[in-house]
């Protein structure tokens, strides 16, 4: 058989045609004016800003997008408690768009999470006349090669894009090196000087020391 002249299946042709209609409604990079100059933010803070300024958000999303909800349950089935960050509906494409917000760089685990949301929306949210749900995963930065590798194993209509969010400081817990005498109170203490500000606010040295003593306690010791 001459594979050069092989005819594509009808399903494949339909999927490629459908993809061409969806692509114009996605972007490789989103710039939300409300996030400019805000510095490092928590995901909830980003969500609050985008929702509280929904007109600007919709303008950046593109034409024909309508806002449906935030932290939206995708199913009434008690077995599925998943909540999507933001849900939009595109009335030109007749399909829901699930938007998941991340303040960190793209991670392959994130694509699995939003893929689950897309599947749930297709099963429980999509009604007769709606096309299959799309997903947009927004990250601080996206490694193109890693993203493409993840998308090869995902059948859902998912777009991975970057947006104008300042990446939060990395969580770095540095174990104290003062381990000469394990009876000292400083043994096993983790410094919090390099923590992201939002984490340092809620973690005290005393709290870290207490947890560290539990983690490094001699398994043979008694209370």
N, C-alpha and C. Protein backbone atom coordinates (compact mmCIF):
# COMPACT_ATOMS: atom_id res chain seq x y z
N UNK A 1 0.84 -1.20 0.00
CA UNK A 1 0.00 0.00 0.00
C UNK A 1 0.87 1.24 0.00
N UNK A 2 0.54 2.20 -0.82
CA UNK A 2 1.30 3.44 -0.90
C UNK A 2 0.75 4.39 0.16
N UNK A 3 1.50 4.55 1.25
CA UNK A 3 1.00 5.38 2.36
C UNK A 3 0.97 6.85 2.00
N UNK A 4 1.70 7.24 0.94
CA UNK A 4 1.71 8.65 0.55
C UNK A 4 0.34 9.10 0.05
N UNK A 5 -0.45 8.18 -0.44
CA UNK A 5 -1.76 8.54 -0.98
C UNK A 5 -2.90 8.04 -0.08
N UNK A 6 -2.53 7.59 1.15
CA UNK A 6 -3.55 7.09 2.06
C UNK A 6 -4.54 8.19 2.40
N UNK A 7 -5.80 7.85 2.44
CA UNK A 7 -6.85 8.81 2.74
C UNK A 7 -7.09 8.84 4.24
N UNK A 8 -7.18 10.03 4.80
CA UNK A 8 -7.44 10.17 6.23
C UNK A 8 -8.86 9.72 6.54
N UNK A 9 -9.04 9.20 7.73
CA UNK A 9 -10.38 8.80 8.15
C UNK A 9 -11.27 10.02 8.28
N UNK A 10 -12.56 9.81 8.18
CA UNK A 10 -13.51 10.91 8.30
C UNK A 10 -13.38 11.58 9.67
N UNK A 11 -13.17 10.77 10.71
CA UNK A 11 -13.03 11.32 12.05
C UNK A 11 -11.83 12.24 12.14
N UNK A 12 -10.71 11.82 11.54
CA UNK A 12 -9.50 12.63 11.58
C UNK A 12 -9.70 13.93 10.83
N UNK A 13 -10.35 13.87 9.69
CA UNK A 13 -10.62 15.07 8.91
C UNK A 13 -11.50 16.03 9.70
N UNK A 14 -12.52 15.48 10.35
CA UNK A 14 -13.42 16.32 11.14
C UNK A 14 -12.70 16.97 12.31
N UNK A 15 -11.82 16.22 12.98
CA UNK A 15 -11.09 16.76 14.12
C UNK A 15 -10.15 17.87 13.68
N UNK A 16 -9.48 17.70 12.54
CA UNK A 16 -8.58 18.73 12.05
C UNK A 16 -9.34 19.99 11.65
N UNK A 17 -10.50 19.80 11.05
CA UNK A 17 -11.32 20.95 10.66
C UNK A 17 -11.82 21.68 11.91
N UNK A 18 -12.20 20.91 12.93
CA UNK A 18 -12.68 21.51 14.17
C UNK A 18 -11.56 22.28 14.85
N UNK A 19 -10.35 21.72 14.84
CA UNK A 19 -9.21 22.38 15.47
C UNK A 19 -8.94 23.73 14.83
N UNK A 20 -9.07 23.81 13.53
CA UNK A 20 -8.83 25.07 12.82
C UNK A 20 -9.83 26.15 13.23
N UNK A 21 -11.03 25.75 13.61
CA UNK A 21 -12.02 26.73 14.04
C UNK A 21 -11.77 27.19 15.47
N UNK A 22 -11.12 26.35 16.28
CA UNK A 22 -10.89 26.69 17.68
C UNK A 22 -9.65 27.55 17.87
N UNK A 23 -8.59 27.28 17.12
CA UNK A 23 -7.30 27.94 17.30
C UNK A 23 -7.40 29.46 17.32
N UNK A 24 -8.20 30.10 16.44
CA UNK A 24 -8.28 31.56 16.49
C UNK A 24 -8.80 32.12 17.81
N UNK A 25 -9.41 31.27 18.62
CA UNK A 25 -9.94 31.71 19.90
C UNK A 25 -9.01 31.41 21.06
N UNK A 26 -7.78 31.05 20.75
CA UNK A 26 -6.77 30.81 21.78
C UNK A 26 -5.55 31.68 21.48
N UNK A 27 -4.72 31.87 22.49
CA UNK A 27 -3.52 32.71 22.34
C UNK A 27 -2.33 32.01 23.00
N UNK A 28 -1.13 32.25 22.49
CA UNK A 28 0.05 31.71 23.17
C UNK A 28 0.40 32.51 24.42
N UNK A 29 -0.07 33.77 24.47
CA UNK A 29 0.23 34.62 25.63
C UNK A 29 -0.93 35.57 25.87
N UNK A 30 -1.37 35.65 27.13
CA UNK A 30 -2.47 36.53 27.51
C UNK A 30 -1.93 37.67 28.37
N UNK A 31 -2.39 38.87 28.11
CA UNK A 31 -1.99 40.04 28.89
C UNK A 31 -3.24 40.65 29.51
N UNK A 32 -3.40 40.44 30.80
CA UNK A 32 -4.54 41.00 31.52
C UNK A 32 -4.10 42.31 32.17
N UNK A 33 -4.62 43.44 31.75
CA UNK A 33 -4.18 44.75 32.28
C UNK A 33 -4.23 44.86 33.79
N UNK A 34 -5.21 44.22 34.41
CA UNK A 34 -5.37 44.35 35.85
C UNK A 34 -4.23 43.71 36.63
N UNK A 35 -3.47 42.83 36.00
CA UNK A 35 -2.36 42.16 36.69
C UNK A 35 -1.05 42.92 36.56
N UNK A 36 -1.01 43.94 35.72
CA UNK A 36 0.22 44.68 35.50
C UNK A 36 0.66 45.38 36.79
N UNK A 37 1.93 45.19 37.14
CA UNK A 37 2.51 45.87 38.29
C UNK A 37 2.04 45.38 39.64
N UNK A 38 1.39 44.24 39.69
CA UNK A 38 0.87 43.73 40.95
C UNK A 38 1.89 42.91 41.74
N UNK A 39 3.00 42.55 41.10
CA UNK A 39 3.99 41.73 41.78
C UNK A 39 3.51 40.29 41.91
N UNK A 40 4.16 39.55 42.81
CA UNK A 40 3.81 38.14 43.02
C UNK A 40 2.45 38.04 43.70
N UNK A 41 1.60 37.18 43.17
CA UNK A 41 0.25 37.02 43.68
C UNK A 41 -0.05 35.55 43.95
N UNK A 42 -0.96 35.29 44.86
CA UNK A 42 -1.49 33.95 45.03
C UNK A 42 -2.50 33.67 43.92
N UNK A 43 -2.76 32.39 43.69
CA UNK A 43 -3.73 32.04 42.64
C UNK A 43 -5.10 32.64 42.93
N UNK A 44 -5.51 32.62 44.19
CA UNK A 44 -6.81 33.19 44.54
C UNK A 44 -6.84 34.68 44.26
N UNK A 45 -5.74 35.37 44.53
CA UNK A 45 -5.67 36.81 44.26
C UNK A 45 -5.79 37.09 42.77
N UNK A 46 -5.14 36.26 41.97
CA UNK A 46 -5.26 36.41 40.52
C UNK A 46 -6.70 36.21 40.09
N UNK A 47 -7.30 35.17 40.61
CA UNK A 47 -8.69 34.87 40.27
C UNK A 47 -9.61 36.02 40.67
N UNK A 48 -9.41 36.55 41.88
CA UNK A 48 -10.23 37.67 42.34
C UNK A 48 -10.11 38.87 41.41
N UNK A 49 -8.90 39.20 41.02
CA UNK A 49 -8.68 40.36 40.15
C UNK A 49 -9.34 40.16 38.79
N UNK A 50 -9.21 38.96 38.24
CA UNK A 50 -9.79 38.71 36.91
C UNK A 50 -11.31 38.74 36.96
N UNK A 51 -11.89 38.20 38.02
CA UNK A 51 -13.35 38.17 38.13
C UNK A 51 -13.91 39.55 38.46
N UNK A 52 -13.24 40.27 39.36
CA UNK A 52 -13.72 41.60 39.74
C UNK A 52 -13.58 42.61 38.61
N UNK A 53 -12.79 42.27 37.62
CA UNK A 53 -12.62 43.12 36.44
C UNK A 53 -12.97 42.30 35.20
N UNK A 54 -14.15 41.69 35.24
CA UNK A 54 -14.51 40.70 34.24
C UNK A 54 -14.60 41.28 32.83
N UNK A 55 -14.96 42.55 32.71
CA UNK A 55 -15.05 43.14 31.37
C UNK A 55 -13.68 43.18 30.71
N UNK A 56 -12.66 43.57 31.46
CA UNK A 56 -11.29 43.57 30.92
C UNK A 56 -10.84 42.14 30.62
N UNK A 57 -11.20 41.23 31.50
CA UNK A 57 -10.82 39.84 31.30
C UNK A 57 -11.43 39.27 30.03
N UNK A 58 -12.70 39.54 29.81
CA UNK A 58 -13.38 39.06 28.61
C UNK A 58 -12.78 39.67 27.36
N UNK A 59 -12.38 40.93 27.45
CA UNK A 59 -11.77 41.59 26.29
C UNK A 59 -10.47 40.91 25.90
N UNK A 60 -9.71 40.46 26.91
CA UNK A 60 -8.45 39.77 26.61
C UNK A 60 -8.68 38.33 26.16
N UNK A 61 -9.73 37.70 26.66
CA UNK A 61 -10.03 36.34 26.24
C UNK A 61 -10.33 36.28 24.75
N UNK A 62 -10.98 37.30 24.25
CA UNK A 62 -11.27 37.33 22.81
C UNK A 62 -12.76 37.45 22.53
N UNK A 63 -13.09 37.40 21.28
CA UNK A 63 -14.48 37.58 20.87
C UNK A 63 -15.36 36.40 21.28
N UNK A 64 -16.59 36.72 21.57
CA UNK A 64 -17.66 35.73 21.77
C UNK A 64 -17.55 34.93 23.05
N UNK A 65 -16.74 35.40 24.01
CA UNK A 65 -16.64 34.70 25.29
C UNK A 65 -17.61 35.31 26.29
N UNK A 66 -18.29 34.47 27.02
CA UNK A 66 -19.17 34.89 28.10
C UNK A 66 -18.71 34.21 29.38
N UNK A 67 -18.77 34.94 30.50
CA UNK A 67 -18.34 34.40 31.78
C UNK A 67 -19.46 33.58 32.39
N UNK A 68 -19.14 32.37 32.83
CA UNK A 68 -20.13 31.48 33.43
C UNK A 68 -20.01 31.42 34.94
N UNK A 69 -18.78 31.24 35.44
CA UNK A 69 -18.63 31.15 36.88
C UNK A 69 -17.20 30.91 37.32
N UNK A 70 -16.98 31.01 38.62
CA UNK A 70 -15.67 30.76 39.23
C UNK A 70 -15.80 29.67 40.28
N UNK A 71 -14.69 28.95 40.53
CA UNK A 71 -14.71 27.83 41.48
C UNK A 71 -15.98 27.02 41.31
N UNK A 72 -16.22 26.65 40.08
CA UNK A 72 -17.50 26.05 39.68
C UNK A 72 -17.45 24.53 39.76
N UNK A 73 -18.41 23.97 40.49
CA UNK A 73 -18.56 22.51 40.52
C UNK A 73 -18.98 22.05 39.13
N UNK A 74 -18.29 21.04 38.63
CA UNK A 74 -18.55 20.55 37.28
C UNK A 74 -19.55 19.41 37.27
N UNK A 75 -19.89 18.93 38.45
CA UNK A 75 -20.84 17.82 38.55
C UNK A 75 -21.55 17.88 39.89
N UNK A 76 -22.81 17.48 39.92
CA UNK A 76 -23.54 17.37 41.17
C UNK A 76 -23.34 16.03 41.85
N UNK A 77 -22.63 15.15 41.16
CA UNK A 77 -22.33 13.84 41.72
C UNK A 77 -21.38 14.02 42.91
N UNK A 78 -21.76 13.56 44.10
CA UNK A 78 -20.88 13.73 45.27
C UNK A 78 -19.53 13.03 45.13
N UNK A 79 -19.40 12.16 44.15
CA UNK A 79 -18.12 11.48 43.93
C UNK A 79 -17.10 12.42 43.29
N UNK A 80 -17.60 13.51 42.69
CA UNK A 80 -16.71 14.45 42.01
C UNK A 80 -16.87 15.82 42.64
N UNK A 81 -15.89 16.21 43.42
CA UNK A 81 -15.93 17.49 44.11
C UNK A 81 -15.07 18.55 43.42
N UNK A 82 -14.58 18.23 42.22
CA UNK A 82 -13.68 19.13 41.50
C UNK A 82 -14.34 20.47 41.21
N UNK A 83 -13.56 21.53 41.36
CA UNK A 83 -14.02 22.87 41.04
C UNK A 83 -13.05 23.52 40.05
N UNK A 84 -13.57 24.05 38.97
CA UNK A 84 -12.74 24.73 37.99
C UNK A 84 -12.56 26.19 38.41
N UNK A 85 -11.35 26.72 38.20
CA UNK A 85 -11.08 28.11 38.58
C UNK A 85 -12.06 29.06 37.90
N UNK A 86 -12.07 29.03 36.56
CA UNK A 86 -12.94 29.91 35.78
C UNK A 86 -13.59 29.11 34.66
N UNK A 87 -14.85 29.39 34.40
CA UNK A 87 -15.56 28.73 33.31
C UNK A 87 -16.16 29.80 32.40
N UNK A 88 -15.88 29.66 31.11
CA UNK A 88 -16.43 30.57 30.10
C UNK A 88 -17.22 29.75 29.08
N UNK A 89 -18.06 30.45 28.33
CA UNK A 89 -18.76 29.82 27.21
C UNK A 89 -18.54 30.67 25.98
N UNK A 90 -18.13 30.03 24.90
CA UNK A 90 -17.94 30.74 23.64
C UNK A 90 -19.15 30.46 22.76
N UNK A 91 -19.95 31.50 22.53
CA UNK A 91 -21.21 31.29 21.80
C UNK A 91 -21.03 31.25 20.29
N UNK A 92 -19.83 31.52 19.81
CA UNK A 92 -19.55 31.31 18.38
C UNK A 92 -19.18 29.85 18.13
N UNK A 93 -18.46 29.27 19.09
CA UNK A 93 -18.04 27.88 18.96
C UNK A 93 -19.02 26.91 19.62
N UNK A 94 -19.93 27.45 20.41
CA UNK A 94 -20.91 26.62 21.14
C UNK A 94 -20.20 25.58 22.00
N UNK A 95 -19.31 26.06 22.84
CA UNK A 95 -18.58 25.14 23.72
C UNK A 95 -18.11 25.88 24.96
N UNK A 96 -17.99 25.12 26.05
CA UNK A 96 -17.43 25.66 27.28
C UNK A 96 -15.91 25.70 27.20
N UNK A 97 -15.34 26.66 27.91
CA UNK A 97 -13.89 26.75 28.08
C UNK A 97 -13.58 26.73 29.57
N UNK A 98 -12.80 25.75 30.00
CA UNK A 98 -12.34 25.67 31.38
C UNK A 98 -10.98 26.34 31.46
N UNK A 99 -10.84 27.32 32.35
CA UNK A 99 -9.56 28.03 32.50
C UNK A 99 -9.00 27.72 33.88
N UNK A 100 -7.80 27.19 33.90
CA UNK A 100 -7.12 26.87 35.15
C UNK A 100 -5.93 27.83 35.31
N UNK A 101 -5.83 28.47 36.47
CA UNK A 101 -4.81 29.48 36.73
C UNK A 101 -3.67 28.89 37.56
N UNK A 102 -2.45 29.15 37.13
CA UNK A 102 -1.26 28.77 37.88
C UNK A 102 -0.34 29.98 37.98
N UNK A 103 0.27 30.15 39.14
CA UNK A 103 1.23 31.25 39.31
C UNK A 103 2.67 30.75 39.22
N UNK A 104 2.83 29.50 38.84
CA UNK A 104 4.13 28.88 38.66
C UNK A 104 4.32 28.50 37.20
N UNK A 105 5.50 28.03 36.88
CA UNK A 105 5.76 27.57 35.51
C UNK A 105 4.97 26.30 35.22
N UNK A 106 4.80 26.02 33.94
CA UNK A 106 4.05 24.84 33.54
C UNK A 106 4.66 23.57 34.12
N UNK A 107 3.78 22.72 34.63
CA UNK A 107 4.18 21.42 35.15
C UNK A 107 3.26 20.38 34.52
N UNK A 108 3.81 19.25 34.16
CA UNK A 108 3.01 18.23 33.48
C UNK A 108 1.81 17.78 34.30
N UNK A 109 1.92 17.86 35.63
CA UNK A 109 0.79 17.47 36.49
C UNK A 109 -0.41 18.39 36.25
N UNK A 110 -0.13 19.65 35.92
CA UNK A 110 -1.21 20.61 35.70
C UNK A 110 -2.07 20.22 34.51
N UNK A 111 -1.44 19.67 33.48
CA UNK A 111 -2.20 19.29 32.29
C UNK A 111 -3.12 18.12 32.60
N UNK A 112 -2.69 17.23 33.48
CA UNK A 112 -3.55 16.13 33.88
C UNK A 112 -4.75 16.61 34.68
N UNK A 113 -4.52 17.61 35.51
CA UNK A 113 -5.61 18.16 36.32
C UNK A 113 -6.68 18.79 35.45
N UNK A 114 -6.29 19.67 34.53
CA UNK A 114 -7.29 20.35 33.70
C UNK A 114 -7.91 19.38 32.70
N UNK A 115 -7.18 18.37 32.30
CA UNK A 115 -7.77 17.36 31.41
C UNK A 115 -8.93 16.65 32.12
N UNK A 116 -8.78 16.41 33.40
CA UNK A 116 -9.87 15.81 34.19
C UNK A 116 -11.07 16.75 34.20
N UNK A 117 -10.82 18.03 34.40
CA UNK A 117 -11.91 19.01 34.42
C UNK A 117 -12.65 19.05 33.08
N UNK A 118 -11.90 18.99 32.00
CA UNK A 118 -12.51 19.01 30.67
C UNK A 118 -13.43 17.80 30.49
N UNK A 119 -12.93 16.64 30.90
CA UNK A 119 -13.73 15.42 30.77
C UNK A 119 -14.99 15.49 31.63
N UNK A 120 -14.86 16.04 32.84
CA UNK A 120 -16.03 16.18 33.71
C UNK A 120 -17.05 17.14 33.10
N UNK A 121 -16.56 18.24 32.54
CA UNK A 121 -17.47 19.20 31.91
C UNK A 121 -18.19 18.57 30.73
N UNK A 122 -17.50 17.75 29.97
CA UNK A 122 -18.14 17.08 28.84
C UNK A 122 -19.22 16.12 29.31
N UNK A 123 -18.98 15.47 30.43
CA UNK A 123 -19.93 14.47 30.93
C UNK A 123 -21.12 15.09 31.63
N UNK A 124 -20.90 16.18 32.37
CA UNK A 124 -21.96 16.68 33.24
C UNK A 124 -22.43 18.11 32.92
N UNK A 125 -21.56 18.91 32.31
CA UNK A 125 -21.91 20.32 32.07
C UNK A 125 -22.43 20.55 30.66
N UNK A 126 -21.87 19.87 29.71
CA UNK A 126 -22.24 20.06 28.31
C UNK A 126 -23.65 19.53 28.06
N UNK A 127 -24.43 20.33 27.33
CA UNK A 127 -25.80 19.97 27.01
C UNK A 127 -25.93 19.68 25.51
N UNK A 128 -27.11 19.24 25.11
CA UNK A 128 -27.36 18.98 23.70
C UNK A 128 -27.17 20.27 22.90
N UNK A 129 -26.42 20.17 21.84
CA UNK A 129 -26.12 21.33 21.02
C UNK A 129 -24.78 21.96 21.31
N UNK A 130 -24.19 21.61 22.47
CA UNK A 130 -22.85 22.10 22.81
C UNK A 130 -21.79 21.20 22.19
N UNK A 131 -20.74 21.81 21.70
CA UNK A 131 -19.59 21.05 21.23
C UNK A 131 -18.71 20.69 22.42
N UNK A 132 -17.71 19.86 22.18
CA UNK A 132 -16.87 19.38 23.27
C UNK A 132 -16.10 20.53 23.92
N UNK A 133 -15.91 20.38 25.21
CA UNK A 133 -15.28 21.41 26.03
C UNK A 133 -13.81 21.60 25.68
N UNK A 134 -13.35 22.85 25.78
CA UNK A 134 -11.93 23.17 25.61
C UNK A 134 -11.34 23.59 26.97
N UNK A 135 -10.05 23.52 27.07
CA UNK A 135 -9.38 23.95 28.28
C UNK A 135 -8.24 24.90 27.96
N UNK A 136 -8.04 25.89 28.82
CA UNK A 136 -6.90 26.80 28.71
C UNK A 136 -6.17 26.78 30.04
N UNK A 137 -4.94 26.33 30.02
CA UNK A 137 -4.10 26.29 31.21
C UNK A 137 -3.15 27.48 31.16
N UNK A 138 -3.31 28.42 32.11
CA UNK A 138 -2.49 29.62 32.13
C UNK A 138 -1.39 29.49 33.17
N UNK A 139 -0.15 29.63 32.73
CA UNK A 139 1.01 29.47 33.60
C UNK A 139 1.93 30.69 33.49
N UNK A 140 2.82 30.84 34.47
CA UNK A 140 3.77 31.95 34.43
C UNK A 140 4.69 31.84 33.21
N UNK A 141 5.20 30.65 32.97
CA UNK A 141 6.03 30.39 31.80
C UNK A 141 5.73 28.98 31.29
N UNK A 142 5.91 28.80 29.99
CA UNK A 142 5.63 27.50 29.39
C UNK A 142 6.84 27.05 28.57
N UNK A 143 7.34 25.87 28.91
CA UNK A 143 8.37 25.26 28.09
C UNK A 143 7.69 24.55 26.94
N UNK A 144 7.91 25.03 25.74
CA UNK A 144 7.18 24.55 24.57
C UNK A 144 7.37 23.05 24.36
N UNK A 145 8.59 22.57 24.50
CA UNK A 145 8.87 21.16 24.26
C UNK A 145 8.15 20.28 25.28
N UNK A 146 8.20 20.69 26.55
CA UNK A 146 7.54 19.91 27.59
C UNK A 146 6.03 19.91 27.39
N UNK A 147 5.48 21.08 27.01
CA UNK A 147 4.04 21.17 26.79
C UNK A 147 3.60 20.29 25.63
N UNK A 148 4.35 20.33 24.54
CA UNK A 148 4.00 19.50 23.38
C UNK A 148 4.07 18.02 23.72
N UNK A 149 5.03 17.65 24.54
CA UNK A 149 5.17 16.25 24.94
C UNK A 149 3.94 15.81 25.75
N UNK A 150 3.47 16.67 26.64
CA UNK A 150 2.29 16.34 27.44
C UNK A 150 1.03 16.25 26.58
N UNK A 151 0.92 17.16 25.63
CA UNK A 151 -0.28 17.20 24.80
C UNK A 151 -0.40 15.97 23.89
N UNK A 152 0.71 15.30 23.64
CA UNK A 152 0.67 14.10 22.80
C UNK A 152 -0.15 12.99 23.44
N UNK A 153 -0.24 13.01 24.76
CA UNK A 153 -0.95 11.94 25.46
C UNK A 153 -2.33 12.37 25.93
N UNK A 154 -2.72 13.59 25.56
CA UNK A 154 -4.03 14.11 25.98
C UNK A 154 -4.92 14.29 24.75
N UNK A 155 -6.08 13.69 24.78
CA UNK A 155 -6.99 13.76 23.65
C UNK A 155 -7.92 14.97 23.73
N UNK A 156 -7.99 15.58 24.90
CA UNK A 156 -8.88 16.72 25.06
C UNK A 156 -8.37 17.92 24.27
N UNK A 157 -9.27 18.88 24.04
CA UNK A 157 -8.90 20.12 23.35
C UNK A 157 -8.35 21.08 24.39
N UNK A 158 -7.04 21.03 24.55
CA UNK A 158 -6.37 21.78 25.61
C UNK A 158 -5.31 22.71 25.02
N UNK A 159 -5.31 23.95 25.52
CA UNK A 159 -4.30 24.92 25.14
C UNK A 159 -3.51 25.31 26.38
N UNK A 160 -2.18 25.33 26.25
CA UNK A 160 -1.31 25.71 27.36
C UNK A 160 -0.65 27.03 26.99
N UNK A 161 -0.93 28.05 27.77
CA UNK A 161 -0.47 29.40 27.44
C UNK A 161 0.17 30.06 28.65
N UNK A 162 0.96 31.08 28.39
CA UNK A 162 1.54 31.90 29.45
C UNK A 162 0.71 33.18 29.59
N UNK A 163 0.85 33.84 30.73
CA UNK A 163 0.18 35.13 30.92
C UNK A 163 1.03 36.02 31.80
N UNK A 164 0.63 37.28 31.92
CA UNK A 164 1.48 38.27 32.58
C UNK A 164 1.35 38.22 34.09
N UNK A 165 1.85 37.13 34.64
CA UNK A 165 1.89 36.98 36.09
C UNK A 165 3.34 36.85 36.52
N UNK A 166 3.70 37.53 37.61
CA UNK A 166 5.05 37.40 38.13
C UNK A 166 5.15 36.12 38.92
N UNK A 167 6.09 35.29 38.55
CA UNK A 167 6.24 33.99 39.22
C UNK A 167 6.60 34.19 40.68
N UNK A 168 5.90 33.49 41.57
CA UNK A 168 6.16 33.59 42.99
C UNK A 168 7.53 33.01 43.31
N UNK A 169 8.12 33.52 44.39
CA UNK A 169 9.42 33.00 44.82
C UNK A 169 9.31 31.52 45.12
N UNK A 170 10.32 30.79 44.77
CA UNK A 170 10.28 29.33 44.98
C UNK A 170 10.32 29.02 46.47
N UNK A 171 9.61 27.98 46.84
CA UNK A 171 9.62 27.52 48.22
C UNK A 171 10.89 26.72 48.46
N UNK A 172 11.77 27.28 49.27
CA UNK A 172 13.04 26.59 49.52
C UNK A 172 13.22 26.42 51.03
N UNK A 173 13.19 25.20 51.47
CA UNK A 173 13.41 24.89 52.87
C UNK A 173 14.83 24.34 53.01
N UNK A 174 15.67 25.08 53.72
CA UNK A 174 17.06 24.68 53.86
C UNK A 174 17.29 24.11 55.26
N UNK A 175 17.66 22.86 55.31
CA UNK A 175 17.87 22.23 56.61
C UNK A 175 19.08 22.85 57.30
N UNK A 176 18.92 23.15 58.57
CA UNK A 176 20.02 23.72 59.33
C UNK A 176 21.18 22.74 59.39
N UNK A 177 22.39 23.28 59.35
CA UNK A 177 23.57 22.42 59.32
C UNK A 177 24.11 22.15 60.72
N UNK A 178 23.48 22.75 61.73
CA UNK A 178 23.96 22.57 63.08
C UNK A 178 23.44 21.24 63.63
N UNK A 179 24.09 20.17 63.24
CA UNK A 179 23.62 18.86 63.64
C UNK A 179 24.64 18.12 64.50
N UNK A 180 25.66 18.86 65.00
CA UNK A 180 26.70 18.21 65.78
C UNK A 180 26.12 17.59 67.05
N UNK A 181 25.23 18.32 67.69
CA UNK A 181 24.63 17.82 68.92
C UNK A 181 23.12 17.71 68.71
N UNK A 182 22.60 16.51 68.46
CA UNK A 182 21.18 16.34 68.17
C UNK A 182 20.26 16.69 69.33
N UNK A 183 20.84 16.96 70.51
CA UNK A 183 20.00 17.34 71.64
C UNK A 183 19.69 18.83 71.63
N UNK A 184 20.42 19.58 70.81
CA UNK A 184 20.19 21.02 70.75
C UNK A 184 18.84 21.32 70.12
N UNK A 185 18.24 22.42 70.56
CA UNK A 185 16.93 22.82 70.05
C UNK A 185 16.99 23.15 68.56
N UNK A 186 18.18 23.51 68.07
CA UNK A 186 18.29 23.92 66.67
C UNK A 186 18.37 22.74 65.72
N UNK A 187 18.49 21.52 66.27
CA UNK A 187 18.65 20.36 65.39
C UNK A 187 17.40 20.17 64.53
N UNK A 188 17.64 20.04 63.23
CA UNK A 188 16.54 19.77 62.32
C UNK A 188 15.68 20.97 61.99
N UNK A 189 16.04 22.16 62.47
CA UNK A 189 15.23 23.34 62.19
C UNK A 189 15.39 23.73 60.72
N UNK A 190 14.31 24.15 60.12
CA UNK A 190 14.34 24.60 58.75
C UNK A 190 14.23 26.12 58.72
N UNK A 191 15.14 26.76 58.02
CA UNK A 191 15.09 28.21 57.92
C UNK A 191 13.94 28.62 57.01
N UNK A 192 13.29 29.73 57.32
CA UNK A 192 12.19 30.20 56.49
C UNK A 192 12.51 31.53 55.83
N UNK A 193 13.77 31.94 55.87
CA UNK A 193 14.12 33.24 55.31
C UNK A 193 13.93 33.30 53.81
N UNK A 194 13.98 32.15 53.13
CA UNK A 194 13.86 32.13 51.68
C UNK A 194 12.48 31.73 51.20
N UNK A 195 11.53 31.66 52.10
CA UNK A 195 10.19 31.27 51.70
C UNK A 195 9.50 32.39 50.94
N UNK A 196 8.56 32.01 50.10
CA UNK A 196 7.71 33.00 49.46
C UNK A 196 7.01 33.79 50.55
N UNK A 197 6.80 35.11 50.36
CA UNK A 197 6.22 35.96 51.41
C UNK A 197 4.90 35.44 51.95
N UNK A 198 4.03 34.91 51.05
CA UNK A 198 2.73 34.48 51.51
C UNK A 198 2.83 33.25 52.42
N UNK A 199 3.93 32.47 52.26
CA UNK A 199 4.11 31.30 53.12
C UNK A 199 4.80 31.70 54.42
N UNK A 200 5.77 32.60 54.31
CA UNK A 200 6.50 33.05 55.50
C UNK A 200 5.57 33.72 56.49
N UNK A 201 4.49 34.32 55.99
CA UNK A 201 3.55 35.01 56.86
C UNK A 201 2.89 34.05 57.85
N UNK A 202 2.68 32.83 57.43
CA UNK A 202 1.93 31.89 58.27
C UNK A 202 2.82 30.86 58.95
N UNK A 203 4.11 30.83 58.61
CA UNK A 203 5.02 29.89 59.24
C UNK A 203 5.98 30.65 60.16
N UNK A 204 6.06 30.25 61.38
CA UNK A 204 6.99 30.87 62.31
C UNK A 204 8.16 29.94 62.56
N UNK A 205 9.28 30.49 63.01
CA UNK A 205 10.42 29.61 63.34
C UNK A 205 10.05 28.57 64.38
N UNK A 206 9.18 28.97 65.35
CA UNK A 206 8.78 28.03 66.39
C UNK A 206 7.99 26.87 65.79
N UNK A 207 7.10 27.21 64.83
CA UNK A 207 6.31 26.16 64.18
C UNK A 207 7.22 25.21 63.42
N UNK A 208 8.17 25.76 62.65
CA UNK A 208 9.09 24.92 61.88
C UNK A 208 9.92 24.04 62.80
N UNK A 209 10.37 24.63 63.91
CA UNK A 209 11.18 23.86 64.85
C UNK A 209 10.39 22.70 65.43
N UNK A 210 9.13 22.97 65.76
CA UNK A 210 8.29 21.92 66.33
C UNK A 210 8.08 20.78 65.37
N UNK A 211 7.80 21.10 64.10
CA UNK A 211 7.62 20.06 63.10
C UNK A 211 8.91 19.31 62.87
N UNK A 212 10.02 20.04 62.85
CA UNK A 212 11.32 19.41 62.61
C UNK A 212 11.65 18.42 63.71
N UNK A 213 11.35 18.78 64.96
CA UNK A 213 11.67 17.87 66.06
C UNK A 213 10.86 16.58 65.94
N UNK A 214 9.62 16.72 65.43
CA UNK A 214 8.81 15.53 65.21
C UNK A 214 9.40 14.67 64.10
N UNK A 215 9.85 15.34 63.04
CA UNK A 215 10.38 14.59 61.89
C UNK A 215 11.68 13.89 62.22
N UNK A 216 12.51 14.55 63.04
CA UNK A 216 13.85 14.01 63.28
C UNK A 216 13.98 13.33 64.65
N UNK A 217 12.86 13.20 65.32
CA UNK A 217 12.90 12.56 66.64
C UNK A 217 13.37 11.13 66.53
N UNK A 218 14.09 10.70 67.53
CA UNK A 218 14.58 9.32 67.56
C UNK A 218 13.37 8.40 67.70
N UNK A 219 13.22 7.49 66.77
CA UNK A 219 12.07 6.60 66.76
C UNK A 219 12.00 5.75 68.04
N UNK A 220 13.09 5.66 68.74
CA UNK A 220 13.09 4.85 69.95
C UNK A 220 12.81 5.64 71.20
N UNK A 221 12.67 6.97 71.08
CA UNK A 221 12.48 7.80 72.25
C UNK A 221 11.06 7.72 72.73
N UNK A 222 10.84 8.04 73.97
CA UNK A 222 9.50 8.04 74.55
C UNK A 222 9.17 9.41 75.05
N UNK A 223 7.86 9.72 75.15
CA UNK A 223 7.45 11.04 75.59
C UNK A 223 7.75 11.21 77.08
